[in-house]
Every structure is written in structure tokens, then in C-alpha cells.
């Protein structure tokens, strides 16, 4: 992305990781307008964790690092209410922000290097095996409860041999504070992220 381009931001009480799935219900006019612009231009928007402020009302102050969100599916539940299924792309670091007249937030950003997709090391194979069990259980429970309406909360196909994919999925589902999730997102490489996850899983006797 050109650093002179202004990226529309969606500040949320959520952290989106690369290849992560994020369903969104969009109803504020400023954000439905933003989503329509993105769909028209076939362009992503940036999801950033709120550092201070709230999701509604005045423009919130975002964290410095966020993730591009690509719209994969959309529907209109009611007039003016958009249901989105988005998927995380590349991470970025905010250089500068501006607030538009309608309180939308935009930023000039530097794109961060994507994860290099290293294979899961022998030391971390237990993380991948445990993740497969968790994903299978969540998907099975969802299909049992929702039948044909169920959509997996995980991107497909599962890449259980990819250290970045495994680390990022664990970062999404572990019961940790949002600030801790944000710190994991900011780690520069996938293996560092997976090492932190591995220690957490060991300490909590998950593996």
C-alpha cells in the first residue's frame, strides 16, 4: 500500500490476526458508508484495537498496529444494517491519522513484513496437534447447533504445518486480555508468537 494512501480504519474492541475470520455487524452510518466505499473499490479497511474511547460516537484513539480486513461475504439483515464476514490480511503500523467530518478515522500506514510461513518446529508440534483438536471440536459443536447455517470461525483450509497460522489461531482463541492479544500481534515474526503461545499452553497444562 502506498504510504500516501489514506486507509479507512475500523476501531474495535477486537484484535484481528492475519488469516483470521472476523464477523462484523455494521450499523453506524459512517461505517456503512466506509464499507460501501470499500466494496465499490474492492479494497480493504484497517481493523485496529481501541486504545481509548469507544466503538460508537466520537472517533476513538487506536493502537499503532492493526490488520487489513478483506470483505469476503456480506448481507443486509435490515435496512442500514450490514453483516460482514471479513478475513485478516497484512499487518500495518500507523504513521498518521486524521478524523473526517463524519467522525470516520483514516490513517497513512507502513505495511509490516508478512509472516514467512515457517514450518512448525518439532518443539511446537504439540501446539499444532492441540489446535486441530480445538478447531474440530468448535466446528463439530457449531454444525450440531446450527446445522446448514454454520460457518466456521476459522479460515480454510487449515494450515497446521504453518507456524504463523497456528500461532495466530491460538492468539485468537486463548482467554487472554485484549492488550495481551495486541502485544502478540505486534511481535515481528511467527516463531516468536508461537513460542509465547507454547509457553502459555504448557503453563496452563493444555499440552
N, C-alpha and C. Protein backbone atom coordinates (compact mmCIF):
# COMPACT_ATOMS: atom_id res chain seq x y z
N UNK A 1 0.85 -1.20 0.00
CA UNK A 1 0.00 0.00 0.00
C UNK A 1 0.88 1.24 0.00
N UNK A 2 0.56 2.18 -0.87
CA UNK A 2 1.30 3.43 -0.95
C UNK A 2 1.18 4.20 0.37
N UNK A 3 2.32 4.62 0.97
CA UNK A 3 2.24 5.33 2.25
C UNK A 3 1.50 6.65 2.17
N UNK A 4 1.27 7.16 0.95
CA UNK A 4 0.50 8.40 0.81
C UNK A 4 -1.01 8.14 0.74
N UNK A 5 -1.40 6.86 0.67
CA UNK A 5 -2.81 6.50 0.63
C UNK A 5 -3.40 6.53 2.03
N UNK A 6 -4.60 7.06 2.15
CA UNK A 6 -5.28 7.10 3.45
C UNK A 6 -6.16 5.86 3.57
N UNK A 7 -5.86 5.03 4.56
CA UNK A 7 -6.58 3.78 4.79
C UNK A 7 -7.74 4.02 5.75
N UNK A 8 -8.98 3.65 5.39
CA UNK A 8 -10.08 3.76 6.34
C UNK A 8 -9.88 2.79 7.50
N UNK A 9 -10.11 3.26 8.71
CA UNK A 9 -9.92 2.44 9.90
C UNK A 9 -11.25 2.12 10.56
N UNK A 10 -11.33 0.91 11.12
CA UNK A 10 -12.49 0.50 11.91
C UNK A 10 -11.96 0.16 13.30
N UNK A 11 -11.99 1.12 14.25
CA UNK A 11 -11.51 0.85 15.61
C UNK A 11 -12.52 -0.04 16.34
N UNK A 12 -12.04 -1.12 16.93
CA UNK A 12 -12.91 -2.09 17.58
C UNK A 12 -12.30 -2.57 18.89
N UNK A 13 -13.14 -3.15 19.72
CA UNK A 13 -12.65 -3.86 20.91
C UNK A 13 -12.36 -5.30 20.50
N UNK A 14 -11.47 -5.44 19.54
CA UNK A 14 -11.10 -6.75 18.99
C UNK A 14 -9.74 -6.61 18.32
N UNK A 15 -9.02 -7.72 18.25
CA UNK A 15 -7.73 -7.77 17.55
C UNK A 15 -7.86 -8.79 16.43
N UNK A 16 -7.60 -8.36 15.21
CA UNK A 16 -7.66 -9.23 14.04
C UNK A 16 -6.25 -9.65 13.66
N UNK A 17 -6.07 -10.96 13.46
CA UNK A 17 -4.77 -11.50 13.06
C UNK A 17 -4.80 -11.88 11.58
N UNK A 18 -3.65 -11.93 10.93
CA UNK A 18 -3.60 -12.38 9.54
C UNK A 18 -4.27 -13.75 9.38
N UNK A 19 -5.10 -13.87 8.35
CA UNK A 19 -5.87 -15.09 8.05
C UNK A 19 -6.95 -15.38 9.09
N UNK A 20 -7.20 -14.44 9.99
CA UNK A 20 -8.28 -14.62 10.95
C UNK A 20 -9.62 -14.22 10.36
N UNK A 21 -10.68 -14.82 10.87
CA UNK A 21 -12.04 -14.51 10.43
C UNK A 21 -12.69 -13.59 11.46
N UNK A 22 -13.25 -12.48 10.98
CA UNK A 22 -13.91 -11.52 11.87
C UNK A 22 -15.28 -11.17 11.32
N UNK A 23 -16.37 -11.69 11.93
CA UNK A 23 -17.71 -11.27 11.53
C UNK A 23 -18.01 -9.90 12.14
N UNK A 24 -18.68 -9.05 11.38
CA UNK A 24 -19.00 -7.71 11.85
C UNK A 24 -20.45 -7.38 11.55
N UNK A 25 -21.09 -6.71 12.50
CA UNK A 25 -22.43 -6.15 12.28
C UNK A 25 -22.26 -4.64 12.26
N UNK A 26 -22.48 -4.04 11.10
CA UNK A 26 -22.18 -2.62 10.90
C UNK A 26 -23.49 -1.86 10.76
N UNK A 27 -23.69 -0.87 11.63
CA UNK A 27 -24.96 -0.14 11.60
C UNK A 27 -24.79 1.37 11.67
N UNK A 28 -23.65 1.86 12.19
CA UNK A 28 -23.44 3.31 12.21
C UNK A 28 -23.25 3.81 10.78
N UNK A 29 -23.88 4.93 10.45
CA UNK A 29 -23.84 5.44 9.08
C UNK A 29 -22.42 5.64 8.59
N UNK A 30 -21.54 6.15 9.45
CA UNK A 30 -20.16 6.42 9.00
C UNK A 30 -19.47 5.13 8.56
N UNK A 31 -19.80 4.02 9.24
CA UNK A 31 -19.13 2.76 8.90
C UNK A 31 -19.84 2.02 7.78
N UNK A 32 -21.15 2.15 7.65
CA UNK A 32 -21.80 1.56 6.48
C UNK A 32 -21.33 2.28 5.22
N UNK A 33 -21.12 3.60 5.31
CA UNK A 33 -20.57 4.34 4.17
C UNK A 33 -19.16 3.86 3.84
N UNK A 34 -18.36 3.65 4.88
CA UNK A 34 -16.99 3.17 4.68
C UNK A 34 -16.98 1.81 4.00
N UNK A 35 -17.84 0.91 4.48
CA UNK A 35 -17.90 -0.45 3.92
C UNK A 35 -18.35 -0.41 2.47
N UNK A 36 -19.35 0.42 2.17
CA UNK A 36 -19.81 0.53 0.78
C UNK A 36 -18.69 1.03 -0.13
N UNK A 37 -17.93 2.00 0.36
CA UNK A 37 -16.79 2.51 -0.43
C UNK A 37 -15.77 1.39 -0.67
N UNK A 38 -15.49 0.60 0.35
CA UNK A 38 -14.52 -0.49 0.21
C UNK A 38 -15.02 -1.54 -0.77
N UNK A 39 -16.32 -1.87 -0.70
CA UNK A 39 -16.86 -2.86 -1.63
C UNK A 39 -16.83 -2.33 -3.06
N UNK A 40 -17.17 -1.06 -3.21
CA UNK A 40 -17.16 -0.45 -4.54
C UNK A 40 -15.77 -0.47 -5.15
N UNK A 41 -14.76 -0.19 -4.32
CA UNK A 41 -13.38 -0.11 -4.80
C UNK A 41 -12.62 -1.44 -4.67
N UNK A 42 -13.31 -2.45 -4.13
CA UNK A 42 -12.68 -3.76 -3.88
C UNK A 42 -11.39 -3.59 -3.08
N UNK A 43 -11.49 -2.82 -2.02
CA UNK A 43 -10.32 -2.51 -1.20
C UNK A 43 -10.60 -2.87 0.25
N UNK A 44 -9.54 -3.11 1.04
CA UNK A 44 -9.73 -3.45 2.45
C UNK A 44 -9.86 -2.21 3.32
N UNK A 45 -10.23 -2.42 4.56
CA UNK A 45 -10.14 -1.38 5.59
C UNK A 45 -9.25 -1.94 6.70
N UNK A 46 -8.85 -1.07 7.60
CA UNK A 46 -7.96 -1.49 8.68
C UNK A 46 -8.70 -1.70 9.98
N UNK A 47 -8.51 -2.84 10.60
CA UNK A 47 -9.06 -3.10 11.93
C UNK A 47 -7.98 -2.82 12.96
N UNK A 48 -8.31 -1.98 13.92
CA UNK A 48 -7.35 -1.60 14.96
C UNK A 48 -8.03 -1.68 16.32
N UNK A 49 -7.29 -2.14 17.31
CA UNK A 49 -7.81 -2.18 18.68
C UNK A 49 -7.91 -0.77 19.23
N UNK A 50 -8.99 -0.49 19.94
CA UNK A 50 -9.18 0.83 20.56
C UNK A 50 -8.27 0.95 21.78
N UNK A 51 -7.45 1.98 21.78
CA UNK A 51 -6.61 2.28 22.94
C UNK A 51 -7.41 3.08 23.97
N UNK A 52 -8.17 4.05 23.49
CA UNK A 52 -9.06 4.82 24.37
C UNK A 52 -10.25 5.28 23.56
N UNK A 53 -11.40 5.39 24.23
CA UNK A 53 -12.63 5.74 23.54
C UNK A 53 -13.53 4.52 23.41
N UNK A 54 -14.51 4.60 22.51
CA UNK A 54 -15.46 3.51 22.35
C UNK A 54 -15.75 3.28 20.87
N UNK A 55 -16.47 2.19 20.58
CA UNK A 55 -16.76 1.83 19.20
C UNK A 55 -17.77 2.78 18.56
N UNK A 56 -18.61 3.39 19.38
CA UNK A 56 -19.64 4.29 18.84
C UNK A 56 -19.36 5.71 19.33
N UNK A 57 -19.92 6.68 18.60
CA UNK A 57 -19.75 8.07 18.99
C UNK A 57 -18.49 8.68 18.42
N UNK A 58 -17.81 9.47 19.24
CA UNK A 58 -16.61 10.19 18.79
C UNK A 58 -15.53 9.22 18.33
N UNK A 59 -14.66 9.70 17.44
CA UNK A 59 -13.58 8.86 16.93
C UNK A 59 -12.68 8.39 18.07
N UNK A 60 -12.40 7.08 18.10
CA UNK A 60 -11.57 6.51 19.16
C UNK A 60 -10.09 6.66 18.82
N UNK A 61 -9.25 6.56 19.85
CA UNK A 61 -7.80 6.54 19.63
C UNK A 61 -7.37 5.09 19.45
N UNK A 62 -6.74 4.75 18.31
CA UNK A 62 -6.38 3.35 18.06
C UNK A 62 -4.96 3.01 18.52
N UNK A 63 -4.71 1.72 18.67
CA UNK A 63 -3.33 1.24 18.83
C UNK A 63 -2.57 1.49 17.53
N UNK A 64 -1.25 1.39 17.60
CA UNK A 64 -0.42 1.73 16.44
C UNK A 64 -0.38 0.65 15.37
N UNK A 65 -0.60 -0.60 15.76
CA UNK A 65 -0.50 -1.72 14.81
C UNK A 65 -1.87 -2.36 14.63
N UNK A 66 -2.25 -2.57 13.37
CA UNK A 66 -3.53 -3.21 13.05
C UNK A 66 -3.37 -4.15 11.88
N UNK A 67 -4.50 -4.61 11.36
CA UNK A 67 -4.50 -5.61 10.29
C UNK A 67 -5.53 -5.22 9.23
N UNK A 68 -5.16 -5.39 7.98
CA UNK A 68 -6.12 -5.17 6.90
C UNK A 68 -7.23 -6.21 6.97
N UNK A 69 -8.47 -5.76 6.76
CA UNK A 69 -9.63 -6.66 6.73
C UNK A 69 -10.22 -6.66 5.33
N UNK A 70 -10.30 -7.85 4.74
CA UNK A 70 -10.87 -8.01 3.40
C UNK A 70 -12.28 -8.57 3.53
N UNK A 71 -13.22 -7.93 2.85
CA UNK A 71 -14.62 -8.36 2.90
C UNK A 71 -14.79 -9.59 2.02
N UNK A 72 -15.17 -10.72 2.62
CA UNK A 72 -15.36 -11.97 1.89
C UNK A 72 -16.83 -12.23 1.59
N UNK A 73 -17.71 -11.87 2.50
CA UNK A 73 -19.15 -12.06 2.31
C UNK A 73 -19.87 -10.89 2.98
N UNK A 74 -21.04 -10.57 2.45
CA UNK A 74 -21.83 -9.53 3.10
C UNK A 74 -23.31 -9.79 2.87
N UNK A 75 -24.13 -9.27 3.77
CA UNK A 75 -25.58 -9.38 3.66
C UNK A 75 -26.17 -8.17 4.37
N UNK A 76 -27.41 -7.85 4.03
CA UNK A 76 -28.10 -6.75 4.71
C UNK A 76 -29.25 -7.35 5.51
N UNK A 77 -29.08 -7.41 6.83
CA UNK A 77 -30.08 -8.01 7.71
C UNK A 77 -31.35 -7.16 7.72
N UNK A 78 -31.18 -5.89 7.94
CA UNK A 78 -32.26 -4.91 7.90
C UNK A 78 -31.74 -3.69 7.15
N UNK A 79 -32.64 -2.79 6.79
CA UNK A 79 -32.22 -1.58 6.09
C UNK A 79 -31.19 -0.84 6.94
N UNK A 80 -30.02 -0.62 6.37
CA UNK A 80 -28.98 0.13 7.07
C UNK A 80 -28.11 -0.70 7.99
N UNK A 81 -28.32 -2.02 8.04
CA UNK A 81 -27.51 -2.90 8.89
C UNK A 81 -26.81 -3.92 8.00
N UNK A 82 -25.49 -3.86 7.96
CA UNK A 82 -24.69 -4.76 7.12
C UNK A 82 -24.05 -5.85 7.97
N UNK A 83 -24.16 -7.08 7.50
CA UNK A 83 -23.48 -8.21 8.14
C UNK A 83 -22.30 -8.61 7.26
N UNK A 84 -21.12 -8.57 7.83
CA UNK A 84 -19.91 -8.86 7.06
C UNK A 84 -19.19 -10.08 7.62
N UNK A 85 -18.52 -10.79 6.73
CA UNK A 85 -17.54 -11.80 7.12
C UNK A 85 -16.22 -11.34 6.50
N UNK A 86 -15.30 -10.95 7.33
CA UNK A 86 -14.03 -10.43 6.85
C UNK A 86 -12.89 -11.38 7.21
N UNK A 87 -11.79 -11.23 6.48
CA UNK A 87 -10.61 -12.06 6.76
C UNK A 87 -9.39 -11.16 6.84
N UNK A 88 -8.55 -11.44 7.83
CA UNK A 88 -7.37 -10.63 8.05
C UNK A 88 -6.31 -10.83 6.99
N UNK A 89 -5.69 -9.73 6.60
CA UNK A 89 -4.60 -9.76 5.63
C UNK A 89 -3.30 -9.33 6.27
N UNK A 90 -2.64 -8.37 5.66
CA UNK A 90 -1.34 -7.92 6.14
C UNK A 90 -1.48 -7.01 7.35
N UNK A 91 -0.44 -7.01 8.19
CA UNK A 91 -0.40 -6.09 9.33
C UNK A 91 0.19 -4.75 8.88
N UNK A 92 -0.14 -3.71 9.60
CA UNK A 92 0.38 -2.37 9.29
C UNK A 92 0.67 -1.61 10.58
N UNK A 93 1.50 -0.58 10.44
CA UNK A 93 1.77 0.34 11.55
C UNK A 93 1.32 1.74 11.13
N UNK A 94 0.58 2.40 11.99
CA UNK A 94 0.05 3.73 11.69
C UNK A 94 1.15 4.78 11.76
N UNK A 95 1.22 5.59 10.71
CA UNK A 95 2.15 6.73 10.67
C UNK A 95 1.45 7.99 11.16
N UNK A 96 0.24 8.19 10.68
CA UNK A 96 -0.50 9.43 10.94
C UNK A 96 -1.99 9.14 10.80
N UNK A 97 -2.81 9.78 11.60
CA UNK A 97 -4.26 9.62 11.48
C UNK A 97 -4.93 10.97 11.24
N UNK A 98 -6.14 10.89 10.71
CA UNK A 98 -6.97 12.09 10.58
C UNK A 98 -8.42 11.68 10.80
N UNK A 99 -9.21 12.63 11.29
CA UNK A 99 -10.64 12.40 11.54
C UNK A 99 -11.43 13.18 10.51
N UNK A 100 -12.30 12.50 9.78
CA UNK A 100 -13.13 13.15 8.77
C UNK A 100 -14.33 13.83 9.44
N UNK A 101 -15.06 14.60 8.67
CA UNK A 101 -16.19 15.36 9.22
C UNK A 101 -17.24 14.45 9.85
N UNK A 102 -17.40 13.24 9.30
CA UNK A 102 -18.41 12.32 9.84
C UNK A 102 -17.86 11.44 10.96
N UNK A 103 -16.68 11.80 11.49
CA UNK A 103 -16.01 11.10 12.60
C UNK A 103 -15.37 9.78 12.18
N UNK A 104 -15.30 9.54 10.88
CA UNK A 104 -14.53 8.37 10.42
C UNK A 104 -13.05 8.64 10.61
N UNK A 105 -12.32 7.57 10.89
CA UNK A 105 -10.88 7.68 11.12
C UNK A 105 -10.14 7.07 9.93
N UNK A 106 -9.13 7.78 9.46
CA UNK A 106 -8.28 7.27 8.38
C UNK A 106 -6.82 7.40 8.81
N UNK A 107 -5.96 6.61 8.17
CA UNK A 107 -4.54 6.66 8.54
C UNK A 107 -3.66 6.43 7.33
N UNK A 108 -2.49 7.05 7.36
CA UNK A 108 -1.40 6.65 6.47
C UNK A 108 -0.61 5.59 7.23
N UNK A 109 -0.24 4.53 6.54
CA UNK A 109 0.36 3.39 7.24
C UNK A 109 1.60 2.87 6.52
N UNK A 110 2.44 2.21 7.28
CA UNK A 110 3.53 1.40 6.75
C UNK A 110 3.10 -0.06 6.87
N UNK A 111 3.21 -0.81 5.78
CA UNK A 111 2.88 -2.22 5.84
C UNK A 111 4.05 -2.97 6.49
N UNK A 112 3.71 -3.88 7.41
CA UNK A 112 4.72 -4.69 8.08
C UNK A 112 4.99 -5.95 7.26
N UNK A 113 6.18 -6.49 7.42
CA UNK A 113 6.55 -7.69 6.67
C UNK A 113 5.61 -8.83 7.03
N UNK A 114 5.10 -9.54 6.04
CA UNK A 114 4.22 -10.67 6.34
C UNK A 114 5.00 -11.81 6.99
N UNK A 115 4.28 -12.66 7.72
CA UNK A 115 4.91 -13.85 8.28
C UNK A 115 5.51 -14.68 7.14
N UNK A 116 6.66 -15.25 7.39
CA UNK A 116 7.37 -16.00 6.36
C UNK A 116 6.88 -17.44 6.19
N UNK A 117 5.84 -17.82 6.93
CA UNK A 117 5.25 -19.16 6.85
C UNK A 117 6.27 -20.26 7.11
N UNK A 118 7.05 -20.15 8.19
CA UNK A 118 7.99 -21.23 8.51
C UNK A 118 7.21 -22.46 8.96
N UNK A 119 7.76 -23.65 8.73
CA UNK A 119 7.08 -24.85 9.21
C UNK A 119 7.08 -24.90 10.73
N UNK A 120 6.10 -25.58 11.29
CA UNK A 120 6.05 -25.75 12.74
C UNK A 120 7.24 -26.61 13.16
N UNK A 121 8.03 -26.10 14.10
CA UNK A 121 9.21 -26.84 14.54
C UNK A 121 8.79 -28.05 15.38
N UNK A 122 9.71 -29.00 15.52
CA UNK A 122 9.42 -30.19 16.33
C UNK A 122 9.02 -29.82 17.75
N UNK A 123 9.64 -28.76 18.28
CA UNK A 123 9.36 -28.34 19.66
C UNK A 123 7.93 -27.84 19.82
N UNK A 124 7.31 -27.41 18.72
CA UNK A 124 5.97 -26.82 18.80
C UNK A 124 4.89 -27.68 18.15
N UNK A 125 5.23 -28.93 17.81
CA UNK A 125 4.23 -29.79 17.17
C UNK A 125 3.01 -30.01 18.05
N UNK A 126 3.21 -30.04 19.37
CA UNK A 126 2.08 -30.24 20.28
C UNK A 126 1.08 -29.10 20.16
N UNK A 127 1.55 -27.89 19.87
CA UNK A 127 0.65 -26.74 19.68
C UNK A 127 -0.27 -26.98 18.49
N UNK A 128 0.30 -27.48 17.40
CA UNK A 128 -0.49 -27.74 16.19
C UNK A 128 -1.49 -28.86 16.41
N UNK A 129 -1.06 -29.92 17.10
CA UNK A 129 -1.97 -31.04 17.35
C UNK A 129 -3.13 -30.61 18.24
N UNK A 130 -2.83 -29.83 19.28
CA UNK A 130 -3.88 -29.36 20.18
C UNK A 130 -4.83 -28.41 19.47
N UNK A 131 -4.29 -27.58 18.57
CA UNK A 131 -5.14 -26.65 17.83
C UNK A 131 -6.11 -27.41 16.93
N UNK A 132 -5.65 -28.47 16.29
CA UNK A 132 -6.54 -29.27 15.44
C UNK A 132 -7.70 -29.82 16.25
N UNK A 133 -7.42 -30.30 17.45
CA UNK A 133 -8.49 -30.83 18.31
C UNK A 133 -9.50 -29.73 18.64
N UNK A 134 -8.99 -28.55 19.00
CA UNK A 134 -9.88 -27.44 19.36
C UNK A 134 -10.74 -27.02 18.17
N UNK A 135 -10.13 -26.86 17.00
CA UNK A 135 -10.88 -26.46 15.81
C UNK A 135 -11.94 -27.49 15.46
N UNK A 136 -11.57 -28.77 15.50
CA UNK A 136 -12.54 -29.83 15.19
C UNK A 136 -13.71 -29.81 16.17
N UNK A 137 -13.42 -29.57 17.45
CA UNK A 137 -14.49 -29.54 18.46
C UNK A 137 -15.41 -28.34 18.25
N UNK A 138 -14.83 -27.18 17.99
CA UNK A 138 -15.65 -25.97 17.77
C UNK A 138 -16.51 -26.12 16.53
N UNK A 139 -15.93 -26.65 15.45
CA UNK A 139 -16.69 -26.84 14.21
C UNK A 139 -17.79 -27.88 14.39
N UNK A 140 -17.49 -28.97 15.09
CA UNK A 140 -18.50 -30.02 15.30
C UNK A 140 -19.65 -29.48 16.14
N UNK A 141 -19.33 -28.71 17.18
CA UNK A 141 -20.38 -28.14 18.03
C UNK A 141 -21.23 -27.14 17.24
N UNK A 142 -20.58 -26.35 16.40
CA UNK A 142 -21.31 -25.38 15.59
C UNK A 142 -22.24 -26.05 14.61
N UNK A 143 -21.77 -27.11 13.95
CA UNK A 143 -22.63 -27.82 12.99
C UNK A 143 -23.81 -28.48 13.69
N UNK A 144 -23.57 -29.00 14.91
CA UNK A 144 -24.65 -29.64 15.67
C UNK A 144 -25.70 -28.62 16.09
N UNK A 145 -25.26 -27.43 16.47
CA UNK A 145 -26.18 -26.39 16.95
C UNK A 145 -26.89 -25.66 15.82
N UNK A 146 -26.17 -25.38 14.73
CA UNK A 146 -26.69 -24.51 13.68
C UNK A 146 -26.99 -25.22 12.37
N UNK A 147 -26.56 -26.45 12.24
CA UNK A 147 -26.84 -27.19 11.01
C UNK A 147 -26.20 -26.54 9.79
N UNK A 148 -27.00 -26.40 8.73
CA UNK A 148 -26.50 -25.86 7.48
C UNK A 148 -26.18 -24.38 7.53
N UNK A 149 -26.61 -23.67 8.59
CA UNK A 149 -26.32 -22.24 8.71
C UNK A 149 -24.94 -21.97 9.31
N UNK A 150 -24.27 -23.03 9.76
CA UNK A 150 -23.00 -22.84 10.45
C UNK A 150 -21.89 -22.43 9.49
N UNK A 151 -21.14 -21.41 9.89
CA UNK A 151 -19.92 -21.01 9.19
C UNK A 151 -18.77 -21.09 10.16
N UNK A 152 -17.73 -21.79 9.79
CA UNK A 152 -16.59 -21.97 10.68
C UNK A 152 -15.97 -20.62 11.03
N UNK A 153 -15.60 -20.41 12.30
CA UNK A 153 -14.92 -19.17 12.67
C UNK A 153 -13.43 -19.18 12.33
N UNK A 154 -13.00 -20.18 11.57
CA UNK A 154 -11.59 -20.29 11.19
C UNK A 154 -11.46 -20.26 9.67
N UNK A 155 -10.39 -19.63 9.19
CA UNK A 155 -10.14 -19.60 7.75
C UNK A 155 -9.80 -21.00 7.26
N UNK A 156 -10.14 -21.26 6.04
CA UNK A 156 -9.89 -22.58 5.45
C UNK A 156 -9.11 -22.41 4.15
N UNK A 157 -8.28 -23.41 3.82
CA UNK A 157 -8.04 -24.64 4.57
C UNK A 157 -7.14 -24.39 5.78
N UNK A 158 -7.25 -25.27 6.78
CA UNK A 158 -6.39 -25.16 7.96
C UNK A 158 -4.94 -25.43 7.54
N UNK A 159 -4.04 -24.58 8.03
CA UNK A 159 -2.62 -24.73 7.67
C UNK A 159 -1.84 -25.10 8.94
N UNK A 160 -2.05 -26.32 9.39
CA UNK A 160 -1.48 -26.75 10.66
C UNK A 160 0.02 -27.00 10.60
N UNK A 161 0.60 -26.93 9.41
CA UNK A 161 2.05 -27.06 9.27
C UNK A 161 2.74 -25.70 9.17
N UNK A 162 1.97 -24.62 9.28
CA UNK A 162 2.46 -23.25 9.14
C UNK A 162 2.50 -22.61 10.53
N UNK A 163 3.71 -22.29 11.01
CA UNK A 163 3.86 -21.76 12.37
C UNK A 163 3.06 -20.48 12.58
N UNK A 164 3.02 -19.61 11.56
CA UNK A 164 2.26 -18.37 11.69
C UNK A 164 0.77 -18.61 11.81
N UNK A 165 0.24 -19.50 10.98
CA UNK A 165 -1.19 -19.79 11.02
C UNK A 165 -1.57 -20.40 12.36
N UNK A 166 -0.76 -21.35 12.84
CA UNK A 166 -1.04 -21.99 14.13
C UNK A 166 -0.98 -20.96 15.26
N UNK A 167 0.07 -20.14 15.27
CA UNK A 167 0.22 -19.13 16.32
C UNK A 167 -0.95 -18.15 16.32
N UNK A 168 -1.33 -17.69 15.13
CA UNK A 168 -2.38 -16.68 15.05
C UNK A 168 -3.74 -17.22 15.48
N UNK A 169 -4.01 -18.50 15.17
CA UNK A 169 -5.30 -19.05 15.59
C UNK A 169 -5.34 -19.19 17.12
N UNK A 170 -4.24 -19.62 17.72
CA UNK A 170 -4.20 -19.69 19.17
C UNK A 170 -4.35 -18.30 19.79
N UNK A 171 -3.71 -17.30 19.19
CA UNK A 171 -3.82 -15.93 19.71
C UNK A 171 -5.26 -15.44 19.71
N UNK A 172 -6.06 -15.92 18.76
CA UNK A 172 -7.47 -15.51 18.67
C UNK A 172 -8.33 -16.16 19.75
N UNK A 173 -8.03 -17.41 20.10
CA UNK A 173 -8.97 -18.17 20.95
C UNK A 173 -8.55 -18.29 22.41
N UNK A 174 -7.30 -17.99 22.72
CA UNK A 174 -6.89 -18.07 24.12
C UNK A 174 -7.62 -17.03 24.96
N UNK A 175 -8.00 -17.37 26.19
CA UNK A 175 -8.72 -16.43 27.06
C UNK A 175 -7.76 -15.44 27.72
N UNK A 176 -7.26 -14.51 26.92
CA UNK A 176 -6.29 -13.52 27.40
C UNK A 176 -6.84 -12.12 27.16
N UNK A 177 -6.35 -11.12 27.91
CA UNK A 177 -6.84 -9.75 27.72
C UNK A 177 -6.52 -9.22 26.32
N UNK A 178 -7.33 -8.26 25.88
CA UNK A 178 -7.12 -7.67 24.56
C UNK A 178 -5.73 -7.05 24.42
N UNK A 179 -5.24 -6.44 25.49
CA UNK A 179 -3.91 -5.83 25.43
C UNK A 179 -2.83 -6.89 25.17
N UNK A 180 -3.00 -8.07 25.76
CA UNK A 180 -2.05 -9.16 25.53
C UNK A 180 -2.15 -9.65 24.09
N UNK A 181 -3.36 -9.73 23.57
CA UNK A 181 -3.54 -10.11 22.17
C UNK A 181 -2.84 -9.12 21.25
N UNK A 182 -2.99 -7.83 21.59
CA UNK A 182 -2.36 -6.79 20.78
C UNK A 182 -0.84 -6.94 20.78
N UNK A 183 -0.26 -7.22 21.94
CA UNK A 183 1.19 -7.40 22.03
C UNK A 183 1.65 -8.58 21.17
N UNK A 184 0.85 -9.64 21.13
CA UNK A 184 1.19 -10.78 20.28
C UNK A 184 1.14 -10.40 18.81
N UNK A 185 0.13 -9.61 18.43
CA UNK A 185 0.02 -9.16 17.05
C UNK A 185 1.26 -8.36 16.64
N UNK A 186 1.81 -7.60 17.58
CA UNK A 186 2.93 -6.71 17.27
C UNK A 186 4.27 -7.44 17.18
N UNK A 187 4.35 -8.69 17.65
CA UNK A 187 5.60 -9.43 17.53
C UNK A 187 5.96 -9.60 16.06
N UNK A 188 7.24 -9.44 15.76
CA UNK A 188 7.65 -9.30 14.36
C UNK A 188 7.63 -10.60 13.56
N UNK A 189 7.79 -11.74 14.24
CA UNK A 189 7.84 -12.98 13.45
C UNK A 189 6.96 -14.05 14.07
N UNK A 190 6.53 -14.98 13.23
CA UNK A 190 5.58 -16.01 13.63
C UNK A 190 6.15 -16.95 14.69
N UNK A 191 7.43 -17.26 14.59
CA UNK A 191 8.02 -18.21 15.54
C UNK A 191 8.05 -17.62 16.95
N UNK A 192 8.28 -16.31 17.06
CA UNK A 192 8.24 -15.66 18.38
C UNK A 192 6.83 -15.75 18.96
N UNK A 193 5.84 -15.51 18.11
CA UNK A 193 4.44 -15.59 18.54
C UNK A 193 4.11 -17.00 19.03
N UNK A 194 4.57 -18.00 18.26
CA UNK A 194 4.26 -19.38 18.61
C UNK A 194 5.01 -19.80 19.88
N UNK A 195 6.19 -19.27 20.10
CA UNK A 195 6.93 -19.59 21.32
C UNK A 195 6.19 -19.09 22.56
N UNK A 196 5.62 -17.88 22.48
CA UNK A 196 4.84 -17.35 23.59
C UNK A 196 3.60 -18.21 23.82
N UNK A 197 2.91 -18.57 22.75
CA UNK A 197 1.73 -19.43 22.85
C UNK A 197 2.11 -20.77 23.47
N UNK A 198 3.23 -21.34 23.04
CA UNK A 198 3.68 -22.64 23.56
C UNK A 198 3.88 -22.58 25.07
N UNK A 199 4.52 -21.51 25.55
CA UNK A 199 4.72 -21.36 26.99
C UNK A 199 3.39 -21.26 27.73
N UNK A 200 2.45 -20.52 27.16
CA UNK A 200 1.13 -20.37 27.79
C UNK A 200 0.44 -21.73 27.88
N UNK A 201 0.47 -22.50 26.80
CA UNK A 201 -0.21 -23.80 26.78
C UNK A 201 0.43 -24.77 27.77
N UNK A 202 1.76 -24.70 27.91
CA UNK A 202 2.44 -25.54 28.89
C UNK A 202 2.06 -25.14 30.32
N UNK A 203 2.09 -23.83 30.59
CA UNK A 203 1.80 -23.35 31.94
C UNK A 203 0.38 -23.69 32.38
N UNK A 204 -0.54 -23.70 31.42
CA UNK A 204 -1.94 -23.98 31.75
C UNK A 204 -2.31 -25.44 31.50
N UNK A 205 -1.27 -26.27 31.29
CA UNK A 205 -1.44 -27.72 31.13
C UNK A 205 -2.44 -28.08 30.02
N UNK A 206 -2.41 -27.28 28.95
CA UNK A 206 -3.24 -27.57 27.78
C UNK A 206 -2.52 -28.57 26.87
N UNK A 207 -1.19 -28.52 26.91
CA UNK A 207 -0.39 -29.52 26.19
C UNK A 207 0.60 -30.14 27.17
